[in-house]
């Protein structure tokens, strides 16, 4: 098995938000190589450039709402994709990719291989 680290650079200019996230998630899982194993982290590093120039289709910016709970009664917080993209672009994209990775102990290890450049 080849253990060399491969670096993939993706230019996000005029790419759709979700399709870009799927592409990144597949590379982080190492699904694009012949030695793919679902129980291995993989050795790919993904660099996403120009994330601020990504495009959104439809009315996602206004209609998509992210919820999180603080842990206290009645403290369900929400924010739109527009607000999250404007103020926390890197976190918004990492959360999107995180949701597309398998829910297991390897998810956070794979996310460490994601580098975002605005």
N, C-alpha and C. Protein backbone atom coordinates (compact mmCIF):
# COMPACT_ATOMS: atom_id res chain seq x y z
N UNK A 1 0.82 -1.18 0.00
CA UNK A 1 0.00 0.00 0.00
C UNK A 1 0.87 1.25 0.00
N UNK A 2 0.48 2.22 -0.78
CA UNK A 2 1.22 3.46 -0.88
C UNK A 2 0.80 4.40 0.24
N UNK A 3 1.75 4.88 1.03
CA UNK A 3 1.42 5.75 2.15
C UNK A 3 1.81 7.20 1.90
N UNK A 4 2.04 7.57 0.65
CA UNK A 4 2.40 8.94 0.35
C UNK A 4 1.19 9.85 0.51
N UNK A 5 1.44 11.02 1.04
CA UNK A 5 0.39 12.00 1.21
C UNK A 5 0.17 12.73 -0.10
N UNK A 6 -1.09 12.80 -0.53
CA UNK A 6 -1.44 13.52 -1.74
C UNK A 6 -2.19 14.78 -1.36
N UNK A 7 -1.85 15.87 -2.02
CA UNK A 7 -2.52 17.14 -1.76
C UNK A 7 -3.37 17.50 -2.97
N UNK A 8 -4.65 17.71 -2.72
CA UNK A 8 -5.59 18.11 -3.75
C UNK A 8 -5.94 19.58 -3.53
N UNK A 9 -5.80 20.39 -4.56
CA UNK A 9 -6.17 21.79 -4.49
C UNK A 9 -7.41 22.00 -5.33
N UNK A 10 -8.47 22.52 -4.71
CA UNK A 10 -9.73 22.73 -5.40
C UNK A 10 -10.04 24.22 -5.41
N UNK A 11 -10.30 24.76 -6.59
CA UNK A 11 -10.70 26.16 -6.71
C UNK A 11 -12.22 26.22 -6.65
N UNK A 12 -12.76 26.92 -5.68
CA UNK A 12 -14.20 26.95 -5.44
C UNK A 12 -14.93 28.02 -6.24
N UNK A 13 -14.23 28.74 -7.08
CA UNK A 13 -14.86 29.81 -7.83
C UNK A 13 -15.98 29.26 -8.72
N UNK A 14 -17.19 29.81 -8.55
CA UNK A 14 -18.39 29.46 -9.32
C UNK A 14 -18.79 27.99 -9.21
N UNK A 15 -18.41 27.32 -8.13
CA UNK A 15 -18.88 25.96 -7.89
C UNK A 15 -20.02 26.00 -6.90
N UNK A 16 -20.93 25.07 -7.02
CA UNK A 16 -22.06 24.99 -6.11
C UNK A 16 -21.59 24.53 -4.73
N UNK A 17 -22.17 25.10 -3.68
CA UNK A 17 -21.79 24.83 -2.28
C UNK A 17 -21.85 23.34 -1.96
N UNK A 18 -22.97 22.70 -2.24
CA UNK A 18 -23.16 21.30 -1.89
C UNK A 18 -22.32 20.36 -2.72
N UNK A 19 -22.22 20.63 -4.01
CA UNK A 19 -21.42 19.76 -4.87
C UNK A 19 -19.93 19.85 -4.53
N UNK A 20 -19.50 21.02 -4.13
CA UNK A 20 -18.12 21.19 -3.68
C UNK A 20 -17.89 20.40 -2.39
N UNK A 21 -18.84 20.45 -1.48
CA UNK A 21 -18.71 19.73 -0.21
C UNK A 21 -18.68 18.21 -0.44
N UNK A 22 -19.47 17.71 -1.37
CA UNK A 22 -19.46 16.28 -1.69
C UNK A 22 -18.11 15.86 -2.26
N UNK A 23 -17.58 16.69 -3.14
CA UNK A 23 -16.28 16.39 -3.74
C UNK A 23 -15.18 16.33 -2.67
N UNK A 24 -15.20 17.29 -1.76
CA UNK A 24 -14.21 17.32 -0.68
C UNK A 24 -14.38 16.12 0.24
N UNK A 25 -15.63 15.78 0.59
CA UNK A 25 -15.88 14.65 1.49
C UNK A 25 -15.39 13.34 0.88
N UNK A 26 -15.58 13.16 -0.42
CA UNK A 26 -15.13 11.93 -1.08
C UNK A 26 -13.61 11.84 -1.11
N UNK A 27 -12.94 12.96 -1.31
CA UNK A 27 -11.48 12.94 -1.33
C UNK A 27 -10.93 12.68 0.08
N UNK A 28 -11.56 13.28 1.10
CA UNK A 28 -11.11 13.05 2.48
C UNK A 28 -11.27 11.60 2.90
N UNK A 29 -12.28 10.93 2.37
CA UNK A 29 -12.48 9.51 2.70
C UNK A 29 -11.57 8.61 1.88
N UNK A 30 -10.84 9.18 0.92
CA UNK A 30 -9.93 8.43 0.07
C UNK A 30 -10.69 7.55 -0.93
N UNK A 31 -11.92 7.93 -1.26
CA UNK A 31 -12.73 7.13 -2.17
C UNK A 31 -12.25 7.21 -3.61
N UNK A 32 -11.38 8.16 -3.92
CA UNK A 32 -10.90 8.31 -5.28
C UNK A 32 -9.69 7.45 -5.59
N UNK A 33 -9.24 6.64 -4.65
CA UNK A 33 -8.06 5.81 -4.90
C UNK A 33 -8.41 4.33 -4.83
N UNK A 34 -7.53 3.54 -5.36
CA UNK A 34 -7.78 2.10 -5.43
C UNK A 34 -7.66 1.41 -4.08
N UNK A 35 -6.92 2.01 -3.15
CA UNK A 35 -6.74 1.37 -1.85
C UNK A 35 -7.71 1.93 -0.80
N UNK A 36 -8.91 2.26 -1.21
CA UNK A 36 -9.93 2.79 -0.29
C UNK A 36 -10.34 1.72 0.71
N UNK A 37 -10.39 2.11 1.96
CA UNK A 37 -10.89 1.25 3.03
C UNK A 37 -11.69 2.12 3.97
N UNK A 38 -12.91 1.69 4.28
CA UNK A 38 -13.78 2.56 5.08
C UNK A 38 -13.33 2.68 6.53
N UNK A 39 -12.42 1.81 6.96
CA UNK A 39 -11.93 1.88 8.34
C UNK A 39 -10.57 2.57 8.45
N UNK A 40 -10.13 3.21 7.39
CA UNK A 40 -8.86 3.94 7.39
C UNK A 40 -9.11 5.43 7.18
N UNK A 41 -8.27 6.26 7.77
CA UNK A 41 -8.44 7.71 7.65
C UNK A 41 -8.14 8.18 6.24
N UNK A 42 -7.15 7.64 5.61
CA UNK A 42 -6.74 8.10 4.29
C UNK A 42 -5.59 9.06 4.41
N UNK A 43 -4.91 9.31 3.29
CA UNK A 43 -3.72 10.15 3.35
C UNK A 43 -3.84 11.36 2.43
N UNK A 44 -5.06 11.77 2.11
CA UNK A 44 -5.26 12.91 1.24
C UNK A 44 -5.44 14.19 2.06
N UNK A 45 -4.85 15.27 1.56
CA UNK A 45 -5.05 16.59 2.14
C UNK A 45 -5.76 17.42 1.08
N UNK A 46 -6.83 18.10 1.48
CA UNK A 46 -7.61 18.90 0.55
C UNK A 46 -7.46 20.37 0.91
N UNK A 47 -7.05 21.17 -0.07
CA UNK A 47 -6.95 22.61 0.09
C UNK A 47 -8.02 23.25 -0.78
N UNK A 48 -8.95 23.97 -0.16
CA UNK A 48 -10.02 24.65 -0.89
C UNK A 48 -9.68 26.12 -0.96
N UNK A 49 -9.55 26.63 -2.18
CA UNK A 49 -9.21 28.04 -2.38
C UNK A 49 -10.42 28.81 -2.89
N UNK A 50 -10.44 30.11 -2.64
CA UNK A 50 -11.49 31.02 -3.09
C UNK A 50 -12.87 30.59 -2.63
N UNK A 51 -12.99 30.19 -1.39
CA UNK A 51 -14.29 29.75 -0.87
C UNK A 51 -15.30 30.88 -0.84
N UNK A 52 -14.84 32.10 -0.74
CA UNK A 52 -15.76 33.23 -0.70
C UNK A 52 -16.42 33.48 -2.05
N UNK A 53 -15.94 32.84 -3.12
CA UNK A 53 -16.50 33.03 -4.46
C UNK A 53 -17.40 31.88 -4.88
N UNK A 54 -17.81 31.05 -3.94
CA UNK A 54 -18.68 29.92 -4.24
C UNK A 54 -20.09 30.45 -4.53
N UNK A 55 -20.88 29.68 -5.29
CA UNK A 55 -22.23 30.15 -5.61
C UNK A 55 -23.27 29.29 -4.90
N UNK A 56 -24.42 29.89 -4.68
CA UNK A 56 -25.55 29.21 -4.06
C UNK A 56 -26.70 29.21 -5.04
N UNK A 57 -27.38 28.08 -5.14
CA UNK A 57 -28.52 27.98 -6.03
C UNK A 57 -29.80 28.17 -5.24
N UNK A 58 -30.82 28.66 -5.89
CA UNK A 58 -32.11 28.83 -5.23
C UNK A 58 -32.06 29.91 -4.16
N UNK A 59 -32.86 29.74 -3.12
CA UNK A 59 -32.95 30.71 -2.04
C UNK A 59 -32.30 30.19 -0.77
N UNK A 60 -31.25 29.38 -0.91
CA UNK A 60 -30.62 28.76 0.25
C UNK A 60 -30.09 29.78 1.26
N UNK A 61 -29.55 30.88 0.77
CA UNK A 61 -28.97 31.86 1.68
C UNK A 61 -29.99 32.39 2.68
N UNK A 62 -31.22 32.59 2.25
CA UNK A 62 -32.25 33.15 3.14
C UNK A 62 -33.05 32.06 3.85
N UNK A 63 -33.26 30.91 3.20
CA UNK A 63 -34.18 29.91 3.73
C UNK A 63 -33.52 28.83 4.58
N UNK A 64 -32.26 28.52 4.33
CA UNK A 64 -31.61 27.45 5.09
C UNK A 64 -31.24 27.96 6.47
N UNK A 65 -31.69 27.25 7.49
CA UNK A 65 -31.47 27.66 8.88
C UNK A 65 -30.71 26.57 9.62
N UNK A 66 -29.68 26.98 10.34
CA UNK A 66 -28.90 26.06 11.17
C UNK A 66 -29.31 26.26 12.62
N UNK A 67 -29.58 25.16 13.33
CA UNK A 67 -29.99 25.20 14.73
C UNK A 67 -28.90 24.58 15.59
N UNK A 68 -28.75 25.09 16.80
CA UNK A 68 -27.93 24.44 17.81
C UNK A 68 -28.48 24.79 19.18
N UNK A 69 -28.32 23.87 20.10
CA UNK A 69 -28.86 24.04 21.44
C UNK A 69 -27.71 24.27 22.42
N UNK A 70 -27.88 25.25 23.31
CA UNK A 70 -26.82 25.59 24.24
C UNK A 70 -26.74 24.64 25.43
N UNK A 71 -27.81 23.91 25.68
CA UNK A 71 -27.84 23.01 26.82
C UNK A 71 -28.75 23.51 27.93
N UNK A 72 -29.19 24.75 27.81
CA UNK A 72 -30.10 25.32 28.80
C UNK A 72 -31.53 25.29 28.26
N UNK A 73 -32.49 25.23 29.16
CA UNK A 73 -33.89 25.19 28.74
C UNK A 73 -34.24 26.43 27.93
N UNK A 74 -34.87 26.21 26.80
CA UNK A 74 -35.32 27.32 25.97
C UNK A 74 -34.24 28.02 25.18
N UNK A 75 -33.04 27.46 25.11
CA UNK A 75 -31.94 28.13 24.43
C UNK A 75 -31.62 27.45 23.09
N UNK A 76 -32.61 27.32 22.26
CA UNK A 76 -32.40 26.80 20.91
C UNK A 76 -32.05 27.98 20.01
N UNK A 77 -30.82 28.02 19.57
CA UNK A 77 -30.35 29.14 18.76
C UNK A 77 -30.43 28.77 17.28
N UNK A 78 -30.60 29.77 16.43
CA UNK A 78 -30.64 29.52 15.00
C UNK A 78 -29.99 30.68 14.26
N UNK A 79 -29.46 30.37 13.08
CA UNK A 79 -28.90 31.38 12.21
C UNK A 79 -29.04 30.92 10.76
N UNK A 80 -29.20 31.87 9.86
CA UNK A 80 -29.38 31.53 8.45
C UNK A 80 -28.01 31.25 7.82
N UNK A 81 -28.06 30.63 6.67
CA UNK A 81 -26.82 30.34 5.94
C UNK A 81 -26.15 31.64 5.51
N UNK A 82 -26.93 32.64 5.20
CA UNK A 82 -26.37 33.93 4.79
C UNK A 82 -25.51 34.53 5.90
N UNK A 83 -26.03 34.52 7.13
CA UNK A 83 -25.29 35.05 8.28
C UNK A 83 -24.05 34.21 8.56
N UNK A 84 -24.22 32.90 8.53
CA UNK A 84 -23.10 32.01 8.84
C UNK A 84 -22.01 32.10 7.78
N UNK A 85 -22.42 32.23 6.50
CA UNK A 85 -21.45 32.32 5.42
C UNK A 85 -20.70 33.65 5.48
N UNK A 86 -21.41 34.71 5.83
CA UNK A 86 -20.80 36.04 5.88
C UNK A 86 -19.81 36.17 7.04
N UNK A 87 -20.16 35.62 8.19
CA UNK A 87 -19.35 35.82 9.39
C UNK A 87 -18.41 34.67 9.72
N UNK A 88 -18.79 33.44 9.38
CA UNK A 88 -17.99 32.26 9.74
C UNK A 88 -17.90 31.32 8.54
N UNK A 89 -17.32 31.79 7.46
CA UNK A 89 -17.30 31.03 6.20
C UNK A 89 -16.63 29.67 6.37
N UNK A 90 -15.49 29.65 7.01
CA UNK A 90 -14.74 28.39 7.17
C UNK A 90 -15.52 27.39 8.01
N UNK A 91 -16.11 27.85 9.10
CA UNK A 91 -16.88 26.97 9.97
C UNK A 91 -18.12 26.44 9.26
N UNK A 92 -18.76 27.28 8.46
CA UNK A 92 -19.95 26.85 7.72
C UNK A 92 -19.60 25.73 6.75
N UNK A 93 -18.47 25.87 6.05
CA UNK A 93 -18.10 24.83 5.09
C UNK A 93 -17.64 23.56 5.80
N UNK A 94 -16.88 23.71 6.88
CA UNK A 94 -16.45 22.53 7.63
C UNK A 94 -17.64 21.77 8.19
N UNK A 95 -18.66 22.49 8.66
CA UNK A 95 -19.86 21.84 9.18
C UNK A 95 -20.60 21.09 8.08
N UNK A 96 -20.62 21.67 6.87
CA UNK A 96 -21.27 21.01 5.74
C UNK A 96 -20.54 19.73 5.37
N UNK A 97 -19.22 19.79 5.29
CA UNK A 97 -18.44 18.59 4.96
C UNK A 97 -18.54 17.57 6.08
N UNK A 98 -18.54 18.04 7.31
CA UNK A 98 -18.64 17.15 8.48
C UNK A 98 -19.94 16.35 8.44
N UNK A 99 -21.01 16.98 8.01
CA UNK A 99 -22.28 16.28 7.91
C UNK A 99 -22.31 15.22 6.82
N UNK A 100 -21.40 15.34 5.84
CA UNK A 100 -21.36 14.38 4.73
C UNK A 100 -20.40 13.23 4.97
N UNK A 101 -19.60 13.32 6.02
CA UNK A 101 -18.69 12.22 6.35
C UNK A 101 -19.41 11.20 7.23
N UNK A 102 -18.97 9.95 7.22
CA UNK A 102 -19.59 8.94 8.07
C UNK A 102 -19.47 9.31 9.55
N UNK A 103 -20.52 9.01 10.29
CA UNK A 103 -20.57 9.37 11.71
C UNK A 103 -19.85 8.30 12.53
N UNK A 104 -18.53 8.41 12.61
CA UNK A 104 -17.74 7.48 13.41
C UNK A 104 -16.51 8.19 13.96
N UNK A 105 -15.63 7.46 14.58
CA UNK A 105 -14.48 8.07 15.24
C UNK A 105 -13.46 8.64 14.26
N UNK A 106 -13.57 8.32 12.98
CA UNK A 106 -12.60 8.81 12.00
C UNK A 106 -12.97 10.18 11.45
N UNK A 107 -14.19 10.64 11.72
CA UNK A 107 -14.68 11.88 11.11
C UNK A 107 -13.81 13.07 11.47
N UNK A 108 -13.49 13.26 12.73
CA UNK A 108 -12.68 14.41 13.14
C UNK A 108 -11.24 14.29 12.65
N UNK A 109 -10.73 13.08 12.56
CA UNK A 109 -9.38 12.88 12.04
C UNK A 109 -9.32 13.23 10.56
N UNK A 110 -10.37 12.90 9.82
CA UNK A 110 -10.41 13.25 8.40
C UNK A 110 -10.56 14.75 8.21
N UNK A 111 -11.33 15.40 9.06
CA UNK A 111 -11.54 16.84 8.93
C UNK A 111 -10.26 17.64 9.18
N UNK A 112 -9.32 17.07 9.90
CA UNK A 112 -8.04 17.77 10.12
C UNK A 112 -7.24 17.89 8.84
N UNK A 113 -7.59 17.11 7.83
CA UNK A 113 -6.90 17.15 6.54
C UNK A 113 -7.52 18.16 5.59
N UNK A 114 -8.48 18.95 6.06
CA UNK A 114 -9.13 19.96 5.24
C UNK A 114 -8.56 21.33 5.58
N UNK A 115 -8.05 22.02 4.55
CA UNK A 115 -7.48 23.36 4.71
C UNK A 115 -8.30 24.30 3.84
N UNK A 116 -8.77 25.39 4.43
CA UNK A 116 -9.64 26.32 3.70
C UNK A 116 -8.94 27.67 3.58
N UNK A 117 -8.91 28.18 2.37
CA UNK A 117 -8.37 29.51 2.11
C UNK A 117 -9.48 30.35 1.47
N UNK A 118 -9.72 31.49 2.08
CA UNK A 118 -10.77 32.34 1.56
C UNK A 118 -10.26 33.08 0.35
